[in-house]
Amino acid sequence: MRDGKDLAARDAKRDLGAELLASVKAMKANEAARVTEVAPTLAAEARTKTEL
């Protein structure tokens, strides 16, 4: 595990503004880094059908 000094040194080299801007552009272009699909449970399907 990294200690605080290692993390601070790593973070000092990062350009968070550029990283965030790149992330927003990727989201707007619908370029997801990962896609998570969750299968609904039987109970959730029943609630949807009965509009609960």
Protein backbone atom coordinates (compact mmCIF):
# COMPACT_ATOMS: atom_id res chain seq x y z
CA MET A 1 0.00 0.00 0.00
CA ARG A 2 1.23 3.49 -0.74
CA ASP A 3 1.92 5.97 1.99
CA GLY A 4 0.93 9.63 1.96
CA LYS A 5 4.21 10.85 0.50
CA ASP A 6 3.99 8.48 -2.47
CA LEU A 7 0.43 9.56 -3.20
CA ALA A 8 1.28 13.23 -2.87
CA ALA A 9 4.23 12.84 -5.27
CA ARG A 10 2.03 11.01 -7.78
CA ASP A 11 -0.76 13.55 -7.52
CA ALA A 12 1.65 16.47 -7.95
CA LYS A 13 2.41 15.21 -11.46
CA ARG A 14 -1.24 14.87 -12.47
CA ASP A 15 -3.30 17.45 -14.36
CA LEU A 16 -6.71 16.81 -12.85
CA GLY A 17 -8.38 19.47 -14.97
CA ALA A 18 -7.24 17.77 -18.19
CA GLU A 19 -8.25 14.35 -16.86
CA LEU A 20 -11.72 15.60 -15.95
CA LEU A 21 -12.16 17.34 -19.28
CA ALA A 22 -11.17 14.16 -21.14
CA SER A 23 -13.65 12.18 -19.03
CA VAL A 24 -16.49 14.59 -19.78
CA LYS A 25 -15.71 14.49 -23.50
CA ALA A 26 -15.71 10.68 -23.43
CA MET A 27 -19.08 10.65 -21.63
CA LYS A 28 -20.60 13.09 -24.11
CA ALA A 29 -19.30 10.94 -26.99
CA ASN A 30 -20.96 7.92 -25.31
CA GLU A 31 -17.60 6.19 -24.88
CA ALA A 32 -18.09 4.41 -21.59
CA ALA A 33 -15.03 3.08 -19.80
CA ARG A 34 -17.16 0.18 -18.58
CA VAL A 35 -20.73 -0.98 -18.87
CA THR A 36 -22.46 -2.65 -15.95
CA GLU A 37 -25.58 -4.66 -16.64
CA VAL A 38 -27.71 -5.72 -13.71
CA ALA A 39 -30.32 -8.42 -14.19
CA PRO A 40 -33.54 -7.51 -12.39
CA THR A 41 -34.76 -9.88 -9.70
CA LEU A 42 -38.14 -11.56 -9.98
CA ALA A 43 -39.46 -9.22 -7.30
CA ALA A 44 -38.29 -6.16 -9.23
CA GLU A 45 -39.91 -7.43 -12.42
CA ALA A 46 -43.17 -8.03 -10.54
CA ARG A 47 -43.07 -4.49 -9.11
CA THR A 48 -42.51 -3.07 -12.58
CA LYS A 49 -45.41 -5.01 -14.05
CA THR A 50 -47.76 -3.93 -11.26
CA GLU A 51 -46.39 -0.36 -11.38
CA LEU A 52 -45.45 -0.30 -7.69
